[in-house]
Amino acid sequence: MLTLLLEATLVEFLSTPNKLVGIILAILGFALSILAKNITKVARKTDTVSSKDPLYLILLAVALCLIMVGMIVTIF
């Protein structure tokens, strides 16, 4: 197993479809988690967002799911 990892270059390793899809999903989830408060501010048309706002919590949950699915796809 170790020799298989050492023979492949980083470009070959990352160019496999499942690795690319996993990395893209994880990046989208990370970006959504950062932008969730701003998206909620725009959707609610308010200056402040409560940490218990349902839309904010849903966006964070979707972001967490995207990150987890991205990690699982990258591993397998």
N, C-alpha and C. Protein backbone atom coordinates (compact mmCIF):
# COMPACT_ATOMS: atom_id res chain seq x y z
N MET A 1 0.83 -1.19 0.00
CA MET A 1 0.00 0.00 0.00
C MET A 1 0.87 1.25 0.00
N LEU A 2 1.91 1.25 0.80
CA LEU A 2 2.77 2.41 0.87
C LEU A 2 3.51 2.64 -0.44
N THR A 3 3.90 1.57 -1.11
CA THR A 3 4.60 1.74 -2.38
C THR A 3 3.68 2.31 -3.45
N LEU A 4 2.39 2.01 -3.38
CA LEU A 4 1.45 2.58 -4.35
C LEU A 4 1.32 4.09 -4.17
N LEU A 5 1.35 4.54 -2.93
CA LEU A 5 1.25 5.96 -2.68
C LEU A 5 2.53 6.68 -3.08
N LEU A 6 3.66 6.04 -2.92
CA LEU A 6 4.92 6.69 -3.24
C LEU A 6 5.18 6.78 -4.74
N GLU A 7 4.63 5.87 -5.52
CA GLU A 7 4.86 5.86 -6.96
C GLU A 7 4.04 6.93 -7.68
N ALA A 8 2.88 7.23 -7.21
CA ALA A 8 2.02 8.21 -7.88
C ALA A 8 2.43 9.62 -7.47
N THR A 9 2.44 10.50 -8.43
CA THR A 9 2.74 11.89 -8.12
C THR A 9 1.50 12.56 -7.54
N LEU A 10 1.70 13.73 -7.00
CA LEU A 10 0.59 14.45 -6.39
C LEU A 10 -0.46 14.82 -7.44
N VAL A 11 -0.02 15.19 -8.62
CA VAL A 11 -0.96 15.55 -9.69
C VAL A 11 -1.79 14.34 -10.10
N GLU A 12 -1.16 13.17 -10.22
CA GLU A 12 -1.91 11.96 -10.58
C GLU A 12 -2.88 11.58 -9.47
N PHE A 13 -2.47 11.75 -8.23
CA PHE A 13 -3.30 11.40 -7.09
C PHE A 13 -4.54 12.30 -7.02
N LEU A 14 -4.34 13.60 -7.22
CA LEU A 14 -5.46 14.53 -7.11
C LEU A 14 -6.32 14.60 -8.37
N SER A 15 -5.85 14.06 -9.48
CA SER A 15 -6.63 14.14 -10.71
C SER A 15 -7.64 13.00 -10.86
N THR A 16 -7.70 12.10 -9.91
CA THR A 16 -8.73 11.07 -9.97
C THR A 16 -10.09 11.73 -9.70
N PRO A 17 -11.14 11.27 -10.36
CA PRO A 17 -12.44 11.94 -10.26
C PRO A 17 -13.00 12.02 -8.83
N ASN A 18 -12.87 10.96 -8.06
CA ASN A 18 -13.45 11.01 -6.72
C ASN A 18 -12.70 12.00 -5.82
N LYS A 19 -11.41 12.16 -6.01
CA LYS A 19 -10.66 13.13 -5.22
C LYS A 19 -11.08 14.54 -5.59
N LEU A 20 -11.24 14.80 -6.89
CA LEU A 20 -11.66 16.14 -7.32
C LEU A 20 -13.05 16.49 -6.82
N VAL A 21 -13.98 15.56 -6.92
CA VAL A 21 -15.35 15.81 -6.47
C VAL A 21 -15.37 16.04 -4.96
N GLY A 22 -14.63 15.25 -4.22
CA GLY A 22 -14.57 15.41 -2.78
C GLY A 22 -13.99 16.74 -2.36
N ILE A 23 -12.93 17.16 -3.02
CA ILE A 23 -12.30 18.44 -2.69
C ILE A 23 -13.24 19.59 -3.03
N ILE A 24 -13.91 19.51 -4.16
CA ILE A 24 -14.85 20.57 -4.56
C ILE A 24 -16.01 20.65 -3.57
N LEU A 25 -16.56 19.51 -3.16
CA LEU A 25 -17.66 19.53 -2.18
C LEU A 25 -17.22 20.10 -0.85
N ALA A 26 -16.03 19.75 -0.40
CA ALA A 26 -15.53 20.28 0.86
C ALA A 26 -15.30 21.78 0.78
N ILE A 27 -14.80 22.26 -0.34
CA ILE A 27 -14.59 23.70 -0.51
C ILE A 27 -15.92 24.45 -0.54
N LEU A 28 -16.91 23.89 -1.22
CA LEU A 28 -18.23 24.51 -1.24
C LEU A 28 -18.85 24.56 0.16
N GLY A 29 -18.69 23.49 0.92
CA GLY A 29 -19.21 23.47 2.28
C GLY A 29 -18.52 24.48 3.17
N PHE A 30 -17.20 24.59 3.02
CA PHE A 30 -16.45 25.56 3.81
C PHE A 30 -16.86 26.99 3.46
N ALA A 31 -17.03 27.26 2.17
CA ALA A 31 -17.46 28.60 1.74
C ALA A 31 -18.86 28.91 2.23
N LEU A 32 -19.75 27.93 2.17
CA LEU A 32 -21.11 28.15 2.66
C LEU A 32 -21.14 28.40 4.16
N SER A 33 -20.29 27.72 4.90
CA SER A 33 -20.26 27.95 6.34
C SER A 33 -19.76 29.35 6.67
N ILE A 34 -18.83 29.86 5.87
CA ILE A 34 -18.34 31.23 6.09
C ILE A 34 -19.39 32.26 5.68
N LEU A 35 -20.10 32.01 4.59
CA LEU A 35 -21.05 32.98 4.07
C LEU A 35 -22.46 32.83 4.61
N ALA A 36 -22.70 31.89 5.50
CA ALA A 36 -24.07 31.63 5.98
C ALA A 36 -24.69 32.84 6.66
N LYS A 37 -23.92 33.55 7.46
CA LYS A 37 -24.47 34.71 8.16
C LYS A 37 -24.81 35.83 7.18
N ASN A 38 -23.95 36.04 6.17
CA ASN A 38 -24.24 37.08 5.18
C ASN A 38 -25.44 36.71 4.32
N ILE A 39 -25.57 35.45 3.96
CA ILE A 39 -26.73 35.01 3.18
C ILE A 39 -28.01 35.20 3.98
N THR A 40 -27.96 34.90 5.27
CA THR A 40 -29.13 35.07 6.13
C THR A 40 -29.48 36.55 6.28
N LYS A 41 -28.47 37.42 6.38
CA LYS A 41 -28.73 38.86 6.47
C LYS A 41 -29.45 39.36 5.22
N VAL A 42 -29.00 38.91 4.06
CA VAL A 42 -29.62 39.34 2.80
C VAL A 42 -31.04 38.77 2.68
N ALA A 43 -31.22 37.52 3.05
CA ALA A 43 -32.55 36.90 2.92
C ALA A 43 -33.55 37.50 3.89
N ARG A 44 -33.11 37.79 5.11
CA ARG A 44 -34.01 38.35 6.12
C ARG A 44 -34.11 39.87 6.04
N LYS A 45 -33.20 40.52 5.30
CA LYS A 45 -33.16 41.98 5.15
C LYS A 45 -33.03 42.67 6.50
N THR A 46 -32.13 42.16 7.34
CA THR A 46 -31.85 42.76 8.64
C THR A 46 -30.34 42.97 8.77
N ASP A 47 -29.96 43.76 9.76
CA ASP A 47 -28.54 44.01 9.99
C ASP A 47 -27.92 42.99 10.93
N THR A 48 -28.72 42.41 11.81
CA THR A 48 -28.20 41.42 12.74
C THR A 48 -28.92 40.09 12.54
N VAL A 49 -28.19 39.03 12.81
CA VAL A 49 -28.74 37.69 12.67
C VAL A 49 -28.57 36.96 14.00
N SER A 50 -29.65 36.40 14.48
CA SER A 50 -29.58 35.61 15.69
C SER A 50 -28.93 34.27 15.40
N SER A 51 -28.21 33.76 16.39
CA SER A 51 -27.58 32.46 16.20
C SER A 51 -28.60 31.33 16.24
N LYS A 52 -29.85 31.65 16.58
CA LYS A 52 -30.91 30.64 16.61
C LYS A 52 -31.87 30.78 15.42
N ASP A 53 -31.49 31.60 14.46
CA ASP A 53 -32.33 31.77 13.26
C ASP A 53 -32.38 30.46 12.47
N PRO A 54 -33.58 29.99 12.13
CA PRO A 54 -33.69 28.70 11.43
C PRO A 54 -32.96 28.66 10.09
N LEU A 55 -33.00 29.72 9.32
CA LEU A 55 -32.31 29.75 8.03
C LEU A 55 -30.80 29.64 8.22
N TYR A 56 -30.28 30.35 9.20
CA TYR A 56 -28.86 30.30 9.50
C TYR A 56 -28.44 28.89 9.92
N LEU A 57 -29.23 28.26 10.76
CA LEU A 57 -28.92 26.91 11.21
C LEU A 57 -29.01 25.90 10.07
N ILE A 58 -29.99 26.08 9.18
CA ILE A 58 -30.12 25.18 8.04
C ILE A 58 -28.92 25.31 7.11
N LEU A 59 -28.48 26.55 6.86
CA LEU A 59 -27.31 26.76 6.01
C LEU A 59 -26.06 26.14 6.62
N LEU A 60 -25.90 26.27 7.93
CA LEU A 60 -24.75 25.65 8.59
C LEU A 60 -24.83 24.13 8.54
N ALA A 61 -26.03 23.58 8.67
CA ALA A 61 -26.18 22.13 8.59
C ALA A 61 -25.87 21.62 7.18
N VAL A 62 -26.32 22.34 6.17
CA VAL A 62 -26.02 21.95 4.78
C VAL A 62 -24.52 22.03 4.53
N ALA A 63 -23.88 23.08 5.06
CA ALA A 63 -22.44 23.22 4.89
C ALA A 63 -21.70 22.07 5.57
N LEU A 64 -22.14 21.69 6.75
CA LEU A 64 -21.51 20.57 7.44
C LEU A 64 -21.68 19.27 6.66
N CYS A 65 -22.86 19.07 6.11
CA CYS A 65 -23.10 17.87 5.30
C CYS A 65 -22.22 17.85 4.05
N LEU A 66 -22.06 19.00 3.40
CA LEU A 66 -21.20 19.07 2.22
C LEU A 66 -19.75 18.74 2.58
N ILE A 67 -19.29 19.25 3.69
CA ILE A 67 -17.91 18.96 4.11
C ILE A 67 -17.75 17.48 4.43
N MET A 68 -18.71 16.91 5.15
CA MET A 68 -18.61 15.50 5.50
C MET A 68 -18.67 14.60 4.27
N VAL A 69 -19.58 14.89 3.35
CA VAL A 69 -19.67 14.08 2.12
C VAL A 69 -18.40 14.23 1.29
N GLY A 70 -17.87 15.44 1.24
CA GLY A 70 -16.63 15.66 0.51
C GLY A 70 -15.47 14.87 1.10
N MET A 71 -15.40 14.82 2.42
CA MET A 71 -14.33 14.05 3.06
C MET A 71 -14.50 12.56 2.80
N ILE A 72 -15.73 12.07 2.88
CA ILE A 72 -15.99 10.64 2.64
C ILE A 72 -15.68 10.27 1.21
N VAL A 73 -16.09 11.11 0.25
CA VAL A 73 -15.82 10.83 -1.16
C VAL A 73 -14.32 10.86 -1.42
N THR A 74 -13.61 11.77 -0.80
CA THR A 74 -12.17 11.85 -1.01
C THR A 74 -11.46 10.63 -0.45
N ILE A 75 -11.91 10.12 0.65
CA ILE A 75 -11.25 8.97 1.27
C ILE A 75 -11.48 7.70 0.45
N PHE A 76 -12.70 7.51 -0.04
CA PHE A 76 -13.00 6.27 -0.75
C PHE A 76 -12.94 6.44 -2.20
